Amino acid sequence: MPDKHSPLFAKLTALAAENPTFRDGARVISEHGKPPPLVALLAEIDNTVLERTLVFRVDNAVLRVAAAGRRLRSVIDITGAPDNALAGQMLSQDNPDMVNGISAFLAQLCKNAAQVTVQIMPATPIGSPSQAGISVKTLEAPADPATNALPDFLTPVADAVTATVQIVDGNITATSGQTAALEQIWRDQFDAFHNRQKAIFPQPDAPMLVCLDHALGQDKPAAIASIGNQVSVFAYDPARIGDIMTAWHSS
């Protein structure tokens, strides 16, 4: 008989008090909007510490996801609903497009769902343990792709930056200072830079900062920072490169 004061006994008592309902061997976690379907689905991911496959039935759709460490690691597959381009990929919360894409997908899937059930299954081998996935906190409040940390990382070193060009989805959205040369770097060099990045790195949309010495003339460097669909091209004081790198790694 378990110790009545042990955490295990408390957990078992709490589970018994919940009096869960089962349908076809799956536990009902949301019915008729109580609790809200998306909230219930994310709570199951948040409760998953060890690596597991969670099989959600959302009305007539069946969604299989890999979860571990209270994070969504991957959408394995989905049937009975429109497929998602991110299915089968390892997820990363360092990629704003990925975060927003999967958040919108789950929100649409759960919208107006009458019933959501879950089955907890053994883990499906996918990716590597170092690929952590997306936390539930991030999924609850996905990043705005037009306003994330990319432009903000320069704020602590604003006095070291002399000009900037901000680009979102291939379009220039903001500029400051003398930007003609920076815009030319964006037009003439970024595609080649991005293609090299994709060829070298396994996650080409991961955050990256590349400094271009003498890009604007002798001792006049520029840099390209890239996160997902956002790019920042900026000119800076070469004596402050250490401060800029610190700001980047701290963002």
Protein backbone atom coordinates (compact mmCIF):
# COMPACT_ATOMS: atom_id res chain seq x y z
CA MET A 1 0.00 0.00 0.00
CA PRO A 2 1.55 3.37 -0.99
CA ASP A 3 2.49 5.94 1.64
CA LYS A 4 -0.44 8.33 1.97
CA HIS A 5 1.99 11.24 2.32
CA SER A 6 4.01 10.41 -0.80
CA PRO A 7 3.82 12.51 -4.03
CA LEU A 8 2.75 9.37 -5.90
CA PHE A 9 -0.21 8.80 -3.59
CA ALA A 10 -1.21 12.47 -3.96
CA LYS A 11 -1.03 12.20 -7.75
CA LEU A 12 -3.08 9.01 -7.83
CA THR A 13 -5.67 10.55 -5.54
CA ALA A 14 -5.91 13.63 -7.75
CA LEU A 15 -6.32 11.50 -10.87
CA ALA A 16 -9.03 9.43 -9.21
CA ALA A 17 -10.86 12.58 -8.15
CA GLU A 18 -10.90 13.79 -11.76
CA ASN A 19 -13.04 10.77 -12.69
CA PRO A 20 -11.95 10.78 -16.35
CA THR A 21 -14.23 9.61 -19.14
CA PHE A 22 -12.97 7.28 -21.88
CA ARG A 23 -14.15 6.82 -25.47
CA ASP A 24 -12.80 3.86 -27.46
CA GLY A 25 -9.84 3.55 -25.10
CA ALA A 26 -8.94 7.23 -25.27
CA ARG A 27 -9.31 9.70 -22.42
CA VAL A 28 -11.71 12.60 -23.03
CA ILE A 29 -9.93 15.88 -22.28
CA SER A 30 -12.47 18.33 -23.74
CA GLU A 31 -16.17 17.99 -24.42
CA HIS A 32 -18.54 20.65 -25.71
CA GLY A 33 -15.91 23.33 -25.17
CA LYS A 34 -15.15 22.49 -21.53
CA PRO A 35 -12.30 23.06 -21.12
CA PRO A 36 -11.52 24.86 -24.40
CA PRO A 37 -10.16 22.27 -26.87
CA LEU A 38 -6.86 24.02 -27.57
CA VAL A 39 -6.24 24.61 -23.86
CA ALA A 40 -6.85 20.91 -23.14
CA LEU A 41 -4.56 19.76 -25.96
CA LEU A 42 -1.70 22.05 -24.90
CA ALA A 43 -2.13 20.98 -21.26
CA GLU A 44 -1.47 17.37 -22.27
CA ILE A 45 1.76 18.40 -23.99
CA ASP A 46 2.73 20.48 -20.97
CA ASN A 47 2.19 17.45 -18.72
CA THR A 48 4.46 15.24 -20.85
CA VAL A 49 7.96 15.08 -19.38
CA LEU A 50 9.31 11.79 -20.77
CA GLU A 51 9.37 11.30 -24.54
CA ARG A 52 5.98 10.05 -25.70
CA THR A 53 3.70 9.95 -28.72
CA LEU A 54 0.39 11.65 -28.00
CA VAL A 55 -2.51 10.65 -30.21
CA PHE A 56 -5.24 13.29 -30.20
CA ARG A 57 -8.63 12.77 -31.79
CA VAL A 58 -10.18 16.16 -32.46
CA ASP A 59 -13.70 15.32 -33.64
CA ASN A 60 -12.99 13.31 -36.83
CA ALA A 61 -9.31 14.26 -37.16
CA VAL A 62 -6.49 12.20 -35.66
CA LEU A 63 -3.30 14.06 -34.79
CA ARG A 64 -0.11 12.28 -33.68
CA VAL A 65 2.58 14.39 -32.06
CA ALA A 66 5.94 13.75 -30.42
CA ALA A 67 6.27 15.45 -27.03
CA ALA A 68 8.92 15.48 -24.31
CA GLY A 69 10.22 17.85 -21.68
CA ARG A 70 6.85 19.66 -21.68
CA ARG A 71 7.45 20.65 -25.30
CA LEU A 72 5.96 19.83 -28.68
CA ARG A 73 8.84 18.26 -30.64
CA SER A 74 7.07 17.33 -33.85
CA VAL A 75 3.73 16.82 -35.55
CA ILE A 76 4.20 13.25 -36.75
CA ASP A 77 1.13 13.09 -38.99
CA ILE A 78 -2.55 13.97 -39.21
CA THR A 79 -5.51 12.24 -40.82
CA GLY A 80 -9.05 13.44 -41.34
CA ALA A 81 -8.00 17.07 -41.70
CA PRO A 82 -5.94 19.16 -44.14
CA ASP A 83 -2.26 18.22 -43.91
CA ASN A 84 0.26 20.68 -42.55
CA ALA A 85 3.56 21.55 -44.23
CA LEU A 86 5.35 21.19 -40.89
CA ALA A 87 4.25 17.57 -40.41
CA GLY A 88 7.25 15.29 -39.97
CA GLN A 89 9.66 18.14 -39.21
CA MET A 90 11.45 18.75 -35.94
CA LEU A 91 10.08 21.96 -34.43
CA SER A 92 12.15 24.83 -33.05
CA GLN A 93 10.97 27.85 -31.11
CA ASP A 94 13.96 29.77 -32.51
CA ASN A 95 12.10 29.89 -35.82
CA PRO A 96 9.24 32.46 -35.66
CA ASP A 97 7.64 31.18 -38.88
CA MET A 98 7.54 27.65 -37.48
CA VAL A 99 6.09 28.80 -34.14
CA ASN A 100 3.37 30.87 -35.80
CA GLY A 101 2.64 28.18 -38.37
CA ILE A 102 2.13 25.38 -35.88
CA SER A 103 0.22 27.64 -33.47
CA ALA A 104 -2.21 28.68 -36.22
CA PHE A 105 -2.58 25.06 -37.32
CA LEU A 106 -3.48 23.83 -33.82
CA ALA A 107 -5.84 26.74 -33.25
CA GLN A 108 -7.69 26.02 -36.49
CA LEU A 109 -7.80 22.28 -35.78
CA CYS A 110 -9.30 22.81 -32.33
CA LYS A 111 -11.68 25.60 -33.31
CA ASN A 112 -15.26 24.63 -32.44
CA ALA A 113 -14.25 21.02 -31.71
CA ALA A 114 -17.01 19.18 -29.88
CA GLN A 115 -14.71 16.56 -28.38
CA VAL A 116 -10.98 16.00 -27.94
CA THR A 117 -9.49 12.76 -26.66
CA VAL A 118 -5.91 11.64 -26.06
CA GLN A 119 -4.00 8.38 -25.92
CA ILE A 120 -0.45 8.27 -24.59
CA MET A 121 1.70 5.89 -26.58
CA PRO A 122 5.40 4.89 -26.60
CA ALA A 123 7.75 7.36 -28.22
CA THR A 124 8.15 7.38 -31.99
CA PRO A 125 11.84 7.77 -32.88
CA ILE A 126 12.24 11.15 -34.54
CA GLY A 127 15.09 13.63 -34.62
CA SER A 128 17.62 13.80 -31.81
CA PRO A 129 17.10 14.57 -28.09
CA SER A 130 19.03 17.84 -28.55
CA GLN A 131 16.21 19.19 -30.73
CA ALA A 132 14.06 20.48 -27.92
CA GLY A 133 10.91 21.59 -29.74
CA ILE A 134 8.48 24.36 -28.82
CA SER A 135 7.34 25.03 -25.27
CA VAL A 136 3.64 25.29 -24.47
CA LYS A 137 4.22 28.82 -23.19
CA THR A 138 5.51 29.81 -26.62
CA LEU A 139 2.63 28.06 -28.39
CA GLU A 140 0.15 29.93 -26.18
CA ALA A 141 1.65 33.28 -27.19
CA PRO A 142 3.33 32.82 -30.60
CA ALA A 143 5.78 35.40 -31.84
CA ASP A 144 4.56 38.16 -34.14
CA PRO A 145 6.76 37.69 -37.22
CA ALA A 146 6.88 41.44 -37.79
CA THR A 147 7.91 42.31 -34.25
CA ASN A 148 10.33 39.87 -32.67
CA ALA A 149 13.80 40.06 -31.18
CA LEU A 150 15.67 40.67 -34.45
CA PRO A 151 15.39 44.48 -34.53
CA ASP A 152 15.28 44.64 -30.74
CA PHE A 153 18.67 43.01 -30.18
CA LEU A 154 20.41 46.19 -31.40
CA THR A 155 18.65 48.42 -28.86
CA PRO A 156 21.34 48.06 -26.13
CA VAL A 157 24.04 48.99 -28.68
CA ALA A 158 22.10 51.59 -30.66
CA ASP A 159 24.95 54.09 -30.32
CA ALA A 160 27.26 51.65 -32.16
CA VAL A 161 24.93 51.28 -35.17
CA THR A 162 25.02 53.98 -37.82
CA ALA A 163 22.41 52.69 -40.29
CA THR A 164 19.94 49.82 -40.56
CA VAL A 165 17.62 48.19 -43.07
CA GLN A 166 14.89 45.88 -41.74
CA ILE A 167 13.34 43.29 -44.08
CA VAL A 168 10.33 41.03 -43.45
CA ASP A 169 9.19 38.44 -46.00
CA GLY A 170 11.54 39.94 -48.60
CA ASN A 171 10.18 43.47 -48.22
CA ILE A 172 11.97 46.43 -46.65
CA THR A 173 9.83 47.51 -43.70
CA ALA A 174 12.04 50.09 -41.93
CA THR A 175 15.28 52.03 -42.44
CA SER A 176 17.44 54.44 -40.48
CA GLY A 177 20.53 56.43 -41.42
CA GLN A 178 22.25 56.34 -44.80
CA THR A 179 21.04 53.05 -46.22
CA ALA A 180 21.76 53.13 -49.98
CA ALA A 181 24.82 50.85 -49.66
CA LEU A 182 23.05 48.55 -47.17
CA GLU A 183 20.08 48.18 -49.50
CA GLN A 184 22.51 47.23 -52.27
CA ILE A 185 24.02 44.54 -50.03
CA TRP A 186 20.50 43.25 -49.43
CA ARG A 187 19.68 43.20 -53.15
CA ASP A 188 23.01 41.87 -54.45
CA GLN A 189 24.45 39.67 -51.72
CA PHE A 190 21.77 38.28 -49.45
CA ASP A 191 20.50 35.54 -51.77
CA ALA A 192 24.04 34.20 -52.26
CA PHE A 193 24.62 34.38 -48.51
CA HIS A 194 21.38 32.55 -47.79
CA ASN A 195 22.09 29.84 -50.36
CA ARG A 196 25.50 29.20 -48.79
CA GLN A 197 23.86 29.05 -45.39
CA LYS A 198 21.35 26.43 -46.59
CA ALA A 199 24.13 24.35 -48.11
CA ILE A 200 26.28 24.39 -44.97
CA PHE A 201 23.86 24.35 -42.05
CA PRO A 202 21.17 21.72 -41.34
CA GLN A 203 18.72 24.36 -40.11
CA PRO A 204 19.04 27.24 -42.59
CA ASP A 205 16.36 29.35 -40.87
CA ALA A 206 18.09 29.24 -37.50
CA PRO A 207 19.22 32.64 -36.14
CA MET A 208 22.47 33.79 -37.75
CA LEU A 209 24.67 36.88 -37.62
CA VAL A 210 27.40 37.38 -40.23
CA CYS A 211 29.81 40.32 -40.17
CA LEU A 212 31.15 41.68 -43.48
CA ASP A 213 34.47 43.43 -42.92
CA HIS A 214 35.08 46.46 -45.15
CA ALA A 215 31.67 45.98 -46.83
CA LEU A 216 31.19 49.75 -46.96
CA GLY A 217 34.87 50.68 -47.45
CA GLN A 218 38.08 50.53 -45.46
CA ASP A 219 37.28 49.95 -41.77
CA LYS A 220 33.56 50.37 -42.52
CA PRO A 221 31.91 47.01 -41.79
CA ALA A 222 28.33 45.90 -42.17
CA ALA A 223 26.48 42.85 -40.86
CA ILE A 224 23.55 40.66 -41.85
CA ALA A 225 21.35 39.23 -39.10
CA SER A 226 18.72 36.67 -40.04
CA ILE A 227 15.93 34.95 -38.10
CA GLY A 228 13.28 33.05 -40.03
CA ASN A 229 11.57 35.46 -42.43
CA GLN A 230 13.33 38.53 -41.00
CA VAL A 231 16.61 40.10 -42.03
CA SER A 232 18.47 43.11 -40.70
CA VAL A 233 21.38 44.67 -42.59
CA PHE A 234 23.25 47.26 -40.56
CA ALA A 235 26.43 49.33 -40.46
CA TYR A 236 28.34 49.57 -37.20
CA ASP A 237 31.42 50.95 -35.45
CA PRO A 238 34.07 48.20 -35.74
CA ALA A 239 35.41 49.08 -32.27
CA ARG A 240 32.06 47.95 -30.80
CA ILE A 241 31.86 44.51 -32.41
CA GLY A 242 32.29 42.83 -29.02
CA ASP A 243 29.28 44.69 -27.61
CA ILE A 244 27.22 43.83 -30.68
CA MET A 245 28.05 40.14 -30.41
CA THR A 246 27.15 40.19 -26.71
CA ALA A 247 23.79 41.82 -27.50
CA TRP A 248 23.13 39.18 -30.19
CA HIS A 249 23.84 36.23 -27.92
CA SER A 250 21.79 37.80 -25.12
CA SER A 251 18.69 38.38 -27.28
